[in-house]
Amino acid sequence: MKYYRPEYDLKVIGRNLKRLRMVKGLSVEEVREYLRLGTPQAVYKYESGKGYPPADLQSRAAAADRGNR
């Protein structure tokens, strides 16, 4: 069985991360603290599409989003 795996568009992911942060009214520092990242630069890196968070951070962020609806 062959699985379809779409490519991830880092720019789209980054724009969505930033949009959600802004909609929720969160600062970069608040996001950094919640995700337990070392520096704010990591948040900026993800939002600018230069990388994306590891899977464990993605699931933590998704759970937080579901809990705040």
PDB file of N, CA and C in Angstrom:
ATOM      1  N   MET A   1       0.852  -1.174   0.000  1.00  0.00           N
ATOM      2  CA  MET A   1       0.000   0.000   0.000  1.00  0.00           C
ATOM      3  C   MET A   1       0.896   1.235   0.000  1.00  0.00           C
ATOM      4  N   LYS A   2       0.592   2.170  -0.865  1.00  0.00           N
ATOM      5  CA  LYS A   2       1.354   3.391  -0.958  1.00  0.00           C
ATOM      6  C   LYS A   2       0.604   4.507  -0.239  1.00  0.00           C
ATOM      7  N   TYR A   3       1.341   5.265   0.577  1.00  0.00           N
ATOM      8  CA  TYR A   3       0.727   6.360   1.320  1.00  0.00           C
ATOM      9  C   TYR A   3       1.048   7.676   0.646  1.00  0.00           C
ATOM     10  N   TYR A   4       0.058   8.549   0.594  1.00  0.00           N
ATOM     11  CA  TYR A   4       0.256   9.880   0.051  1.00  0.00           C
ATOM     12  C   TYR A   4       0.705  10.797   1.176  1.00  0.00           C
ATOM     13  N   ARG A   5       1.824  11.453   0.992  1.00  0.00           N
ATOM     14  CA  ARG A   5       2.326  12.395   1.990  1.00  0.00           C
ATOM     15  C   ARG A   5       2.577  13.734   1.313  1.00  0.00           C
ATOM     16  N   PRO A   6       1.673  14.682   1.524  1.00  0.00           N
ATOM     17  CA  PRO A   6       1.880  15.983   0.884  1.00  0.00           C
ATOM     18  C   PRO A   6       3.106  16.679   1.471  1.00  0.00           C
ATOM     19  N   GLU A   7       3.735  17.470   0.667  1.00  0.00           N
ATOM     20  CA  GLU A   7       4.866  18.255   1.157  1.00  0.00           C
ATOM     21  C   GLU A   7       4.335  19.376   2.045  1.00  0.00           C
ATOM     22  N   TYR A   8       5.116  19.717   3.035  1.00  0.00           N
ATOM     23  CA  TYR A   8       4.736  20.791   3.940  1.00  0.00           C
ATOM     24  C   TYR A   8       5.270  22.108   3.408  1.00  0.00           C
ATOM     25  N   ASP A   9       4.429  23.105   3.379  1.00  0.00           N
ATOM     26  CA  ASP A   9       4.831  24.438   2.951  1.00  0.00           C
ATOM     27  C   ASP A   9       5.135  25.237   4.217  1.00  0.00           C
ATOM     28  N   LEU A  10       6.416  25.439   4.494  1.00  0.00           N
ATOM     29  CA  LEU A  10       6.825  26.109   5.725  1.00  0.00           C
ATOM     30  C   LEU A  10       6.291  27.532   5.815  1.00  0.00           C
ATOM     31  N   LYS A  11       6.175  28.211   4.691  1.00  0.00           N
ATOM     32  CA  LYS A  11       5.659  29.581   4.701  1.00  0.00           C
ATOM     33  C   LYS A  11       4.192  29.599   5.127  1.00  0.00           C
ATOM     34  N   VAL A  12       3.408  28.661   4.629  1.00  0.00           N
ATOM     35  CA  VAL A  12       1.991  28.588   4.998  1.00  0.00           C
ATOM     36  C   VAL A  12       1.858  28.233   6.478  1.00  0.00           C
ATOM     37  N   ILE A  13       2.637  27.280   6.935  1.00  0.00           N
ATOM     38  CA  ILE A  13       2.604  26.899   8.349  1.00  0.00           C
ATOM     39  C   ILE A  13       2.974  28.104   9.208  1.00  0.00           C
ATOM     40  N   GLY A  14       4.026  28.819   8.812  1.00  0.00           N
ATOM     41  CA  GLY A  14       4.458  29.992   9.565  1.00  0.00           C
ATOM     42  C   GLY A  14       3.399  31.074   9.625  1.00  0.00           C
ATOM     43  N   ARG A  15       2.767  31.346   8.469  1.00  0.00           N
ATOM     44  CA  ARG A  15       1.703  32.365   8.453  1.00  0.00           C
ATOM     45  C   ARG A  15       0.552  31.960   9.366  1.00  0.00           C
ATOM     46  N   ASN A  16       0.202  30.677   9.354  1.00  0.00           N
ATOM     47  CA  ASN A  16      -0.883  30.201  10.215  1.00  0.00           C
ATOM     48  C   ASN A  16      -0.514  30.308  11.687  1.00  0.00           C
ATOM     49  N   LEU A  17       0.722  29.965  12.027  1.00  0.00           N
ATOM     50  CA  LEU A  17       1.155  30.081  13.424  1.00  0.00           C
ATOM     51  C   LEU A  17       1.065  31.532  13.898  1.00  0.00           C
ATOM     52  N   LYS A  18       1.555  32.447  13.071  1.00  0.00           N
ATOM     53  CA  LYS A  18       1.521  33.862  13.450  1.00  0.00           C
ATOM     54  C   LYS A  18       0.087  34.367  13.542  1.00  0.00           C
ATOM     55  N   ARG A  19      -0.735  33.989  12.570  1.00  0.00           N
ATOM     56  CA  ARG A  19      -2.145  34.425  12.573  1.00  0.00           C
ATOM     57  C   ARG A  19      -2.844  33.951  13.843  1.00  0.00           C
ATOM     58  N   LEU A  20      -2.648  32.695  14.204  1.00  0.00           N
ATOM     59  CA  LEU A  20      -3.293  32.161  15.410  1.00  0.00           C
ATOM     60  C   LEU A  20      -2.786  32.850  16.670  1.00  0.00           C
ATOM     61  N   ARG A  21      -1.486  33.130  16.710  1.00  0.00           N
ATOM     62  CA  ARG A  21      -0.936  33.834  17.872  1.00  0.00           C
ATOM     63  C   ARG A  21      -1.568  35.210  18.001  1.00  0.00           C
ATOM     64  N   MET A  22      -1.697  35.917  16.873  1.00  0.00           N
ATOM     65  CA  MET A  22      -2.268  37.262  16.901  1.00  0.00           C
ATOM     66  C   MET A  22      -3.758  37.230  17.278  1.00  0.00           C
ATOM     67  N   VAL A  23      -4.496  36.270  16.708  1.00  0.00           N
ATOM     68  CA  VAL A  23      -5.921  36.143  17.015  1.00  0.00           C
ATOM     69  C   VAL A  23      -6.124  35.893  18.512  1.00  0.00           C
ATOM     70  N   LYS A  24      -5.256  35.081  19.083  1.00  0.00           N
ATOM     71  CA  LYS A  24      -5.363  34.761  20.515  1.00  0.00           C
ATOM     72  C   LYS A  24      -4.831  35.883  21.398  1.00  0.00           C
ATOM     73  N   GLY A  25      -4.179  36.876  20.780  1.00  0.00           N
ATOM     74  CA  GLY A  25      -3.644  37.997  21.547  1.00  0.00           C
ATOM     75  C   GLY A  25      -2.424  37.625  22.377  1.00  0.00           C
ATOM     76  N   LEU A  26      -1.629  36.691  21.881  1.00  0.00           N
ATOM     77  CA  LEU A  26      -0.458  36.235  22.622  1.00  0.00           C
ATOM     78  C   LEU A  26       0.804  36.910  22.106  1.00  0.00           C
ATOM     79  N   SER A  27       1.721  37.171  23.019  1.00  0.00           N
ATOM     80  CA  SER A  27       3.024  37.698  22.620  1.00  0.00           C
ATOM     81  C   SER A  27       3.940  36.533  22.249  1.00  0.00           C
ATOM     82  N   VAL A  28       5.019  36.851  21.569  1.00  0.00           N
ATOM     83  CA  VAL A  28       6.006  35.825  21.227  1.00  0.00           C
ATOM     84  C   VAL A  28       6.557  35.204  22.518  1.00  0.00           C
ATOM     85  N   GLU A  29       6.773  36.026  23.519  1.00  0.00           N
ATOM     86  CA  GLU A  29       7.311  35.522  24.796  1.00  0.00           C
ATOM     87  C   GLU A  29       6.331  34.549  25.456  1.00  0.00           C
ATOM     88  N   GLU A  30       5.041  34.839  25.398  1.00  0.00           N
ATOM     89  CA  GLU A  30       4.054  33.927  25.981  1.00  0.00           C
ATOM     90  C   GLU A  30       4.059  32.579  25.262  1.00  0.00           C
ATOM     91  N   VAL A  31       4.156  32.616  23.945  1.00  0.00           N
ATOM     92  CA  VAL A  31       4.210  31.378  23.163  1.00  0.00           C
ATOM     93  C   VAL A  31       5.491  30.613  23.498  1.00  0.00           C
ATOM     94  N   ARG A  32       6.608  31.336  23.575  1.00  0.00           N
ATOM     95  CA  ARG A  32       7.888  30.707  23.910  1.00  0.00           C
ATOM     96  C   ARG A  32       7.813  30.001  25.256  1.00  0.00           C
ATOM     97  N   GLU A  33       7.257  30.678  26.258  1.00  0.00           N
ATOM     98  CA  GLU A  33       7.143  30.077  27.589  1.00  0.00           C
ATOM     99  C   GLU A  33       6.233  28.852  27.566  1.00  0.00           C
ATOM    100  N   TYR A  34       5.080  28.979  26.898  1.00  0.00           N
ATOM    101  CA  TYR A  34       4.131  27.867  26.881  1.00  0.00           C
ATOM    102  C   TYR A  34       4.727  26.627  26.212  1.00  0.00           C
ATOM    103  N   LEU A  35       5.441  26.840  25.115  1.00  0.00           N
ATOM    104  CA  LEU A  35       6.021  25.708  24.381  1.00  0.00           C
ATOM    105  C   LEU A  35       7.374  25.278  24.946  1.00  0.00           C
ATOM    106  N   ARG A  36       7.823  26.003  25.971  1.00  0.00           N
ATOM    107  CA  ARG A  36       9.099  25.695  26.624  1.00  0.00           C
ATOM    108  C   ARG A  36      10.264  25.727  25.636  1.00  0.00           C
ATOM    109  N   LEU A  37      10.273  26.776  24.815  1.00  0.00           N
ATOM    110  CA  LEU A  37      11.372  26.972  23.874  1.00  0.00           C
ATOM    111  C   LEU A  37      12.458  27.781  24.562  1.00  0.00           C
ATOM    112  N   GLY A  38      13.682  27.631  24.107  1.00  0.00           N
ATOM    113  CA  GLY A  38      14.800  28.319  24.741  1.00  0.00           C
ATOM    114  C   GLY A  38      14.823  29.816  24.512  1.00  0.00           C
ATOM    115  N   THR A  39      14.482  30.241  23.298  1.00  0.00           N
ATOM    116  CA  THR A  39      14.566  31.666  22.969  1.00  0.00           C
ATOM    117  C   THR A  39      13.375  32.088  22.116  1.00  0.00           C
ATOM    118  N   PRO A  40      13.068  33.390  22.122  1.00  0.00           N
ATOM    119  CA  PRO A  40      12.000  33.883  21.242  1.00  0.00           C
ATOM    120  C   PRO A  40      12.334  33.689  19.761  1.00  0.00           C
ATOM    121  N   GLN A  41      13.628  33.618  19.434  1.00  0.00           N
ATOM    122  CA  GLN A  41      14.028  33.440  18.039  1.00  0.00           C
ATOM    123  C   GLN A  41      13.441  32.170  17.433  1.00  0.00           C
ATOM    124  N   ALA A  42      13.221  31.150  18.265  1.00  0.00           N
ATOM    125  CA  ALA A  42      12.616  29.914  17.761  1.00  0.00           C
ATOM    126  C   ALA A  42      11.202  30.181  17.254  1.00  0.00           C
ATOM    127  N   VAL A  43      10.442  30.983  17.986  1.00  0.00           N
ATOM    128  CA  VAL A  43       9.079  31.326  17.557  1.00  0.00           C
ATOM    129  C   VAL A  43       9.140  32.093  16.241  1.00  0.00           C
ATOM    130  N   TYR A  44      10.039  33.074  16.173  1.00  0.00           N
ATOM    131  CA  TYR A  44      10.184  33.850  14.937  1.00  0.00           C
ATOM    132  C   TYR A  44      10.602  32.963  13.769  1.00  0.00           C
ATOM    133  N   LYS A  45      11.456  31.991  14.032  1.00  0.00           N
ATOM    134  CA  LYS A  45      11.904  31.071  12.984  1.00  0.00           C
ATOM    135  C   LYS A  45      10.719  30.286  12.427  1.00  0.00           C
ATOM    136  N   TYR A  46       9.871  29.796  13.305  1.00  0.00           N
ATOM    137  CA  TYR A  46       8.705  29.032  12.859  1.00  0.00           C
ATOM    138  C   TYR A  46       7.730  29.931  12.106  1.00  0.00           C
ATOM    139  N   GLU A  47       7.496  31.145  12.630  1.00  0.00           N
ATOM    140  CA  GLU A  47       6.544  32.054  11.996  1.00  0.00           C
ATOM    141  C   GLU A  47       7.040  32.558  10.638  1.00  0.00           C
ATOM    142  N   SER A  48       8.336  32.636  10.456  1.00  0.00           N
ATOM    143  CA  SER A  48       8.877  33.138   9.183  1.00  0.00           C
ATOM    144  C   SER A  48       9.016  32.032   8.142  1.00  0.00           C
ATOM    145  N   GLY A  49       8.740  30.802   8.533  1.00  0.00           N
ATOM    146  CA  GLY A  49       8.808  29.698   7.582  1.00  0.00           C
ATOM    147  C   GLY A  49      10.206  29.164   7.356  1.00  0.00           C
ATOM    148  N   LYS A  50      11.114  29.455   8.280  1.00  0.00           N
ATOM    149  CA  LYS A  50      12.485  28.958   8.153  1.00  0.00           C
ATOM    150  C   LYS A  50      12.669  27.604   8.836  1.00  0.00           C
ATOM    151  N   GLY A  51      11.614  27.110   9.421  1.00  0.00           N
ATOM    152  CA  GLY A  51      11.627  25.814  10.085  1.00  0.00           C
ATOM    153  C   GLY A  51      10.258  25.585  10.692  1.00  0.00           C
ATOM    154  N   TYR A  52      10.023  24.406  11.189  1.00  0.00           N
ATOM    155  CA  TYR A  52       8.765  24.173  11.887  1.00  0.00           C
ATOM    156  C   TYR A  52       9.040  23.396  13.152  1.00  0.00           C
ATOM    157  N   PRO A  53       8.136  23.544  14.110  1.00  0.00           N
ATOM    158  CA  PRO A  53       8.366  22.920  15.414  1.00  0.00           C
ATOM    159  C   PRO A  53       8.394  21.397  15.320  1.00  0.00           C
ATOM    160  N   PRO A  54       9.127  20.764  16.214  1.00  0.00           N
ATOM    161  CA  PRO A  54       9.102  19.298  16.285  1.00  0.00           C
ATOM    162  C   PRO A  54       7.679  18.812  16.576  1.00  0.00           C
ATOM    163  N   ALA A  55       7.417  17.569  16.277  1.00  0.00           N
ATOM    164  CA  ALA A  55       6.065  17.004  16.414  1.00  0.00           C
ATOM    165  C   ALA A  55       5.512  17.159  17.828  1.00  0.00           C
ATOM    166  N   ASP A  56       6.342  16.997  18.857  1.00  0.00           N
ATOM    167  CA  ASP A  56       5.820  17.107  20.219  1.00  0.00           C
ATOM    168  C   ASP A  56       5.334  18.524  20.508  1.00  0.00           C
ATOM    169  N   LEU A  57       5.986  19.534  19.960  1.00  0.00           N
ATOM    170  CA  LEU A  57       5.520  20.903  20.143  1.00  0.00           C
ATOM    171  C   LEU A  57       4.258  21.163  19.341  1.00  0.00           C
ATOM    172  N   GLN A  58       4.168  20.585  18.162  1.00  0.00           N
ATOM    173  CA  GLN A  58       2.978  20.763  17.335  1.00  0.00           C
ATOM    174  C   GLN A  58       1.752  20.198  18.030  1.00  0.00           C
ATOM    175  N   SER A  59       1.887  19.024  18.636  1.00  0.00           N
ATOM    176  CA  SER A  59       0.738  18.415  19.310  1.00  0.00           C
ATOM    177  C   SER A  59       0.356  19.209  20.550  1.00  0.00           C
ATOM    178  N   ARG A  60       1.341  19.757  21.249  1.00  0.00           N
ATOM    179  CA  ARG A  60       1.061  20.580  22.434  1.00  0.00           C
ATOM    180  C   ARG A  60       0.319  21.855  22.021  1.00  0.00           C
ATOM    181  N   ALA A  61       0.758  22.479  20.930  1.00  0.00           N
ATOM    182  CA  ALA A  61       0.112  23.703  20.446  1.00  0.00           C
ATOM    183  C   ALA A  61      -1.306  23.409  19.963  1.00  0.00           C
ATOM    184  N   ALA A  62      -1.495  22.290  19.278  1.00  0.00           N
ATOM    185  CA  ALA A  62      -2.832  21.924  18.792  1.00  0.00           C
ATOM    186  C   ALA A  62      -3.775  21.661  19.954  1.00  0.00           C
ATOM    187  N   ALA A  63      -3.277  21.015  20.989  1.00  0.00           N
ATOM    188  CA  ALA A  63      -4.112  20.739  22.161  1.00  0.00           C
ATOM    189  C   ALA A  63      -4.515  22.044  22.839  1.00  0.00           C
ATOM    190  N   ALA A  64      -3.608  22.991  22.901  1.00  0.00           N
ATOM    191  CA  ALA A  64      -3.916  24.287  23.502  1.00  0.00           C
ATOM    192  C   ALA A  64      -4.968  25.010  22.686  1.00  0.00           C
ATOM    193  N   ASP A  65      -4.888  24.922  21.367  1.00  0.00           N
ATOM    194  CA  ASP A  65      -5.849  25.585  20.501  1.00  0.00           C
ATOM    195  C   ASP A  65      -7.237  24.967  20.682  1.00  0.00           C
ATOM    196  N   ARG A  66      -7.303  23.646  20.760  1.00  0.00           N
ATOM    197  CA  ARG A  66      -8.602  22.982  20.960  1.00  0.00           C
ATOM    198  C   ARG A  66      -9.209  23.354  22.304  1.00  0.00           C
ATOM    199  N   GLY A  67      -8.399  23.541  23.312  1.00  0.00           N
ATOM    200  CA  GLY A  67      -8.895  23.855  24.643  1.00  0.00           C
ATOM    201  C   GLY A  67      -9.378  25.275  24.800  1.00  0.00           C
ATOM    202  N   ASN A  68      -9.035  26.152  23.881  1.00  0.00           N
ATOM    203  CA  ASN A  68      -9.387  27.566  24.000  1.00  0.00           C
ATOM    204  C   ASN A  68     -10.466  28.005  23.031  1.00  0.00           C
ATOM    205  N   ARG A  69     -11.156  27.099  22.434  1.00  0.00           N
ATOM    206  CA  ARG A  69     -12.210  27.476  21.470  1.00  0.00           C
ATOM    207  C   ARG A  69     -13.475  27.836  22.168  1.00  0.00           C
TER     208      ARG A  69
END
